[in-house]
Amino acid sequence: MSGGSERLLRPREVCQRLGISYSTLSRWVREGRIRA
């Protein structure tokens, strides 16, 4: 990412955009598949 217009997404926003549940997102973070 470059520039200064990035913003972090809230966990629920990530779930909505990826079409996954909050529990799936939490599991992925625990497993190290994504960074929180």
C-alpha atoms as a PDB file:
ATOM      1  CA  MET A   1       0.000   0.000   0.000  1.00  0.00           C
ATOM      2  CA  SER A   2       1.237   3.437  -0.720  1.00  0.00           C
ATOM      3  CA  GLY A   3      -0.003   6.912  -0.131  1.00  0.00           C
ATOM      4  CA  GLY A   4      -1.623   8.203   3.001  1.00  0.00           C
ATOM      5  CA  SER A   5      -5.236   7.254   2.471  1.00  0.00           C
ATOM      6  CA  GLU A   6      -5.219   3.711   3.897  1.00  0.00           C
ATOM      7  CA  ARG A   7      -7.482   2.939   6.797  1.00  0.00           C
ATOM      8  CA  LEU A   8      -7.761  -0.121   8.935  1.00  0.00           C
ATOM      9  CA  LEU A   9     -10.932  -2.155   8.765  1.00  0.00           C
ATOM     10  CA  ARG A  10     -12.860  -3.296  11.784  1.00  0.00           C
ATOM     11  CA  PRO A  11     -13.162  -7.070  12.174  1.00  0.00           C
ATOM     12  CA  ARG A  12     -16.849  -7.042  11.228  1.00  0.00           C
ATOM     13  CA  GLU A  13     -16.053  -5.053   8.076  1.00  0.00           C
ATOM     14  CA  VAL A  14     -13.432  -7.625   7.102  1.00  0.00           C
ATOM     15  CA  CYS A  15     -15.963 -10.426   7.578  1.00  0.00           C
ATOM     16  CA  GLN A  16     -18.504  -8.640   5.419  1.00  0.00           C
ATOM     17  CA  ARG A  17     -16.030  -7.982   2.620  1.00  0.00           C
ATOM     18  CA  LEU A  18     -14.672 -11.535   2.626  1.00  0.00           C
ATOM     19  CA  GLY A  19     -18.050 -13.190   3.138  1.00  0.00           C
ATOM     20  CA  ILE A  20     -16.878 -15.093   6.212  1.00  0.00           C
ATOM     21  CA  SER A  21     -18.097 -15.380   9.790  1.00  0.00           C
ATOM     22  CA  TYR A  22     -16.476 -13.674  12.747  1.00  0.00           C
ATOM     23  CA  SER A  23     -15.495 -17.060  14.180  1.00  0.00           C
ATOM     24  CA  THR A  24     -13.673 -17.923  10.938  1.00  0.00           C
ATOM     25  CA  LEU A  25     -11.787 -14.633  11.074  1.00  0.00           C
ATOM     26  CA  SER A  26     -10.826 -15.258  14.701  1.00  0.00           C
ATOM     27  CA  ARG A  27      -9.610 -18.758  13.866  1.00  0.00           C
ATOM     28  CA  TRP A  28      -7.507 -17.480  10.955  1.00  0.00           C
ATOM     29  CA  VAL A  29      -5.851 -14.955  13.284  1.00  0.00           C
ATOM     30  CA  ARG A  30      -5.105 -17.664  15.878  1.00  0.00           C
ATOM     31  CA  GLU A  31      -3.679 -19.940  13.185  1.00  0.00           C
ATOM     32  CA  GLY A  32      -1.452 -17.150  11.870  1.00  0.00           C
ATOM     33  CA  ARG A  33      -3.121 -17.152   8.448  1.00  0.00           C
ATOM     34  CA  ILE A  34      -3.701 -13.406   8.713  1.00  0.00           C
ATOM     35  CA  ARG A  35      -2.333 -10.658  10.950  1.00  0.00           C
ATOM     36  CA  ALA A  36      -4.554  -8.748  13.311  1.00  0.00           C
END
